[in-house]
Protein backbone atom coordinates (compact mmCIF):
# COMPACT_ATOMS: atom_id res chain seq x y z
CA MET A 1 36.02 -3.09 -100.18
CA THR A 2 37.70 -6.03 -101.85
CA THR A 3 40.79 -5.96 -104.03
CA ALA A 4 38.62 -6.13 -107.13
CA ASP A 5 36.66 -3.07 -106.01
CA TRP A 6 39.85 -1.06 -105.44
CA ALA A 7 41.14 -2.14 -108.84
CA LEU A 8 37.90 -0.91 -110.43
CA VAL A 9 38.19 2.47 -108.64
CA VAL A 10 41.80 2.89 -109.77
CA SER A 11 40.86 1.98 -113.34
CA LEU A 12 38.01 4.50 -113.39
CA CYS A 13 40.32 7.24 -112.03
CA SER A 14 42.94 6.43 -114.66
CA PHE A 15 40.29 6.54 -117.38
CA GLY A 16 39.06 9.92 -116.12
CA VAL A 17 42.59 11.38 -116.15
CA ALA A 18 43.26 10.02 -119.64
CA LEU A 19 39.94 11.40 -120.93
CA ALA A 20 40.60 14.83 -119.42
CA SER A 21 44.08 14.88 -120.96
CA PHE A 22 42.69 13.92 -124.38
CA VAL A 23 40.00 16.62 -124.24
CA TRP A 24 42.54 19.24 -123.17
CA ASN A 25 44.94 18.32 -125.99
CA VAL A 26 42.19 18.51 -128.60
CA TRP A 27 40.92 21.82 -127.18
CA SER A 28 44.34 23.49 -126.91
CA LYS A 29 45.83 22.24 -130.20
CA PHE A 30 42.89 22.13 -132.60
CA LEU A 31 39.79 23.92 -131.29
CA TYR A 32 41.38 26.88 -129.52
CA PRO A 33 45.16 26.95 -130.11
CA ARG A 34 47.16 29.56 -128.22
CA ALA A 35 50.31 31.22 -129.41
CA LYS A 36 53.36 30.55 -127.25
CA VAL A 37 55.36 33.72 -126.62
CA ARG A 38 58.85 33.63 -125.15
CA ALA A 39 59.89 36.89 -123.47
CA SER A 40 63.35 37.90 -122.31
CA ILE A 41 65.17 40.89 -120.86
CA ALA A 42 68.86 41.76 -121.16
CA VAL A 43 71.37 44.55 -120.72
CA MET A 44 72.67 45.49 -124.18
CA MET A 45 75.66 47.59 -125.24
CA ILE A 46 76.33 49.82 -128.26
CA PHE A 47 79.91 50.33 -129.46
CA ASP A 48 80.21 53.43 -131.64
CA GLY A 49 83.68 52.47 -132.89
CA ASP A 50 85.24 55.85 -132.12
CA GLY A 51 86.92 54.80 -128.90
CA SER A 52 84.18 56.15 -126.65
CA PRO A 53 82.81 53.98 -123.83
CA ALA A 54 80.05 51.56 -124.68
CA ARG A 55 76.53 52.84 -124.12
CA ARG A 56 74.19 50.54 -122.23
CA PHE A 57 70.44 50.11 -122.46
CA VAL A 58 67.83 47.48 -121.57
CA GLN A 59 65.97 45.45 -124.15
CA ILE A 60 62.74 43.57 -123.43
CA SER A 61 61.92 41.28 -126.33
CA ALA A 62 59.30 38.70 -127.26
CA THR A 63 59.17 36.00 -129.94
CA ASN A 64 56.05 34.22 -131.16
CA TYR A 65 56.68 30.45 -131.28
CA GLY A 66 53.24 29.72 -132.73
CA PRO A 67 51.08 27.94 -133.67
CA THR A 68 48.96 31.06 -134.29
CA GLU A 69 49.51 34.79 -134.59
CA ILE A 70 49.19 37.05 -131.56
CA THR A 71 48.85 40.76 -130.83
CA LEU A 72 50.94 42.14 -127.96
CA HIS A 73 49.42 45.09 -126.17
CA GLY A 74 52.46 46.35 -124.27
CA HIS A 75 55.29 45.61 -121.88
CA GLN A 76 54.95 45.22 -118.10
CA ALA A 77 56.84 44.11 -115.02
CA LYS A 78 55.96 42.53 -111.70
CA ARG A 79 57.48 41.50 -108.42
CA ARG A 80 58.32 37.94 -107.47
CA GLN A 81 55.55 35.41 -107.88
CA GLY A 82 53.52 34.33 -104.88
CA LEU A 83 53.13 30.74 -103.78
CA LEU A 84 49.46 30.67 -104.83
CA TRP A 85 48.46 30.72 -108.48
CA PHE A 86 46.03 33.63 -108.10
CA LYS A 87 48.79 35.89 -106.77
CA THR A 88 51.13 35.50 -109.73
CA ASN A 89 49.92 38.64 -111.55
CA SER A 90 48.72 40.71 -108.61
CA LYS A 91 51.55 43.31 -108.51
CA LEU A 92 52.02 44.70 -112.01
CA ALA A 93 54.02 47.78 -113.01
CA LEU A 94 54.24 49.89 -116.16
CA ILE A 95 57.69 50.87 -117.41
CA ASN A 96 58.56 54.02 -119.30
CA SER A 97 60.27 53.14 -122.58
CA ILE A 98 62.44 54.99 -125.09
CA ALA A 99 61.87 55.09 -128.83
CA HIS A 100 65.37 53.90 -129.77
CA PRO A 101 68.71 53.28 -128.00
CA ASP A 102 70.21 56.26 -129.85
CA PHE A 103 67.52 58.59 -128.47
CA MET A 104 67.02 58.63 -124.72
CA GLU A 105 63.85 60.71 -124.71
CA PRO A 106 60.98 58.90 -122.93
CA ALA A 107 58.43 57.40 -125.31
CA GLY A 108 55.74 56.55 -122.75
CA PHE A 109 54.40 53.43 -121.07
CA ILE A 110 53.17 52.08 -124.42
CA ALA A 111 56.23 51.70 -126.64
CA PRO A 112 56.14 53.00 -130.22
CA GLY A 113 54.55 50.47 -132.58
CA PHE A 114 52.38 48.83 -129.92
CA PRO A 115 49.93 47.13 -129.88
CA LYS A 116 51.94 44.97 -132.27
CA LYS A 117 50.80 41.93 -134.22
CA LEU A 118 53.29 39.05 -134.39
CA ASN A 119 53.04 36.22 -136.88
CA VAL A 120 54.70 32.90 -136.12
CA GLY A 121 58.47 33.41 -135.90
CA GLU A 122 58.33 37.19 -135.61
CA SER A 123 59.79 39.20 -132.72
CA ALA A 124 59.22 42.57 -131.08
CA ALA A 125 61.43 44.60 -128.77
CA VAL A 126 61.07 47.47 -126.33
CA TYR A 127 63.99 49.63 -125.22
CA VAL A 128 64.46 51.18 -121.79
CA SER A 129 67.02 53.66 -120.51
CA ALA A 130 69.95 52.29 -118.50
CA GLN A 131 69.06 54.67 -115.67
CA SER A 132 65.95 52.67 -114.79
CA PRO A 133 67.11 49.16 -113.69
CA LYS A 134 68.76 50.34 -110.47
CA ARG A 135 65.49 51.87 -109.28
CA TRP A 136 63.58 48.77 -110.36
CA ILE A 137 65.59 46.66 -107.93
CA ASP A 138 66.43 49.11 -105.13
CA GLU A 139 62.99 50.68 -104.73
CA GLU A 140 60.38 48.34 -106.21
CA ASP A 141 62.06 44.91 -106.33
CA LEU A 142 60.70 44.21 -109.83
CA TYR A 143 61.68 40.72 -110.89
CA TYR A 144 59.78 39.49 -113.96
CA PHE A 145 59.46 41.40 -117.23
CA GLY A 146 57.36 40.62 -120.27
CA PHE A 147 54.31 41.52 -122.32
CA SER A 148 50.54 41.36 -122.13
CA ASP A 149 48.42 40.46 -125.15
CA THR A 150 45.02 41.70 -126.26
CA PHE A 151 43.30 38.74 -124.54
CA GLY A 152 44.65 39.83 -121.15
CA ARG A 153 47.23 37.06 -120.88
CA HIS A 154 50.76 37.77 -119.67
CA HIS A 155 53.98 36.37 -121.09
CA TRP A 156 56.88 36.70 -118.66
CA CYS A 157 60.58 36.03 -118.97
CA SER A 158 61.85 32.84 -117.40
CA ARG A 159 63.12 32.66 -113.82
CA ALA A 160 66.65 31.95 -115.06
CA ASN A 161 66.54 35.01 -117.34
CA ALA A 162 65.24 37.16 -114.47
CA ARG A 163 68.05 36.03 -112.17
CA LYS A 164 70.72 36.71 -114.80
CA PHE A 165 69.31 40.19 -115.48
CA ARG A 166 69.41 41.05 -111.79
CA ARG A 167 73.02 39.89 -111.56
CA ASP A 168 73.89 42.10 -114.54
CA CYS A 169 72.14 45.07 -112.91
CA VAL A 170 74.12 44.57 -109.71
CA GLU A 171 77.40 44.41 -111.65
CA ASP A 172 76.76 47.10 -114.27
CA PHE A 173 74.51 49.61 -112.49
CA GLY A 174 75.36 49.10 -108.82
CA ALA A 175 71.91 47.89 -107.86
CA ILE A 176 71.47 46.44 -104.37
CA GLU A 177 69.43 43.31 -103.89
CA PRO A 178 66.75 43.86 -101.23
CA TYR A 179 66.94 41.64 -98.20
CA ARG A 180 64.61 38.68 -98.37
CA PRO A 181 64.34 36.43 -95.28
CA SER A 182 64.83 32.73 -95.78
CA LEU A 183 62.12 30.16 -95.18
CA ILE A 184 63.75 29.20 -91.87
CA GLU A 185 63.72 32.83 -90.71
CA LEU A 186 60.09 33.20 -91.75
CA ALA A 187 59.19 30.01 -89.88
CA LYS A 188 61.01 31.21 -86.75
CA ALA A 189 59.29 34.60 -86.86
CA SER A 190 55.90 32.92 -87.33
CA ALA A 191 56.56 30.54 -84.42
CA VAL A 192 57.61 33.42 -82.15
CA ARG A 193 54.53 35.41 -83.10
CA LEU A 194 52.24 32.43 -82.48
CA TRP A 195 53.90 31.71 -79.13
CA THR A 196 53.51 35.34 -78.04
CA GLN A 197 49.83 35.36 -78.96
CA THR A 198 49.23 32.02 -77.20
CA LYS A 199 51.00 33.22 -74.07
CA ALA A 200 48.96 36.42 -73.99
CA VAL A 201 45.68 34.52 -74.40
CA THR A 202 46.69 32.02 -71.68
CA ARG A 203 47.57 34.79 -69.24
CA SER A 204 44.25 36.51 -69.92
CA ARG A 205 42.31 33.32 -69.26
CA ILE A 206 44.22 32.56 -66.06
CA LYS A 207 43.58 36.07 -64.83
CA SER A 208 39.88 35.72 -65.61
CA ILE A 209 39.65 32.37 -63.77
CA LYS A 210 41.47 33.78 -60.71
CA ALA A 211 39.08 36.73 -60.67
CA LYS A 212 36.05 34.39 -60.73
CA LEU A 213 37.47 32.23 -57.93
CA HIS A 214 38.22 35.28 -55.81
CA HIS A 215 34.70 36.61 -56.38
CA LYS A 216 33.15 33.27 -55.26
CA ALA A 217 35.34 33.16 -52.18
């Protein structure tokens, strides 16, 4: 191919990308706009003002940033995201909530008032007992918290918010971060496993060849 042919191919590819971007923008902003929901989780404290120690609880909140209204079905949690896109919502968990920070009686996995419709600029919150976060981290390693809507989409807190919440749980509730091997450790373990399997297969083949040679002799 000549330089002119390559230039034509590059131009056609650029035109295809630009056309796809234009169609997506029109589809997402005008034909089928989606509401953007920002979720967050935090350890909150209540000061009664009578000198008693502050009471802690967990708040999971969501705010609708528009451009359309949205109906949230309920709150959920999940472990760390996988490397592949189809694994990002594969390990979901339901969390038992409380009706109000002043009342610690469990309210169920669907918080009072949900499903809840949010107009643009409105917020919703779910409260959870302070006894739960330690088990979330120690036993289940839950990392992301957020809400699901009536269309089946999930709106999770940001990675920075999740990291800060885990640090607060370690400091305030004594949670212990589970051990997670580094990428180098995972690579070493994979290399050792592959080497062991290769060595076993090689030994088996050598043994088979020796047996055939001995049989011919």
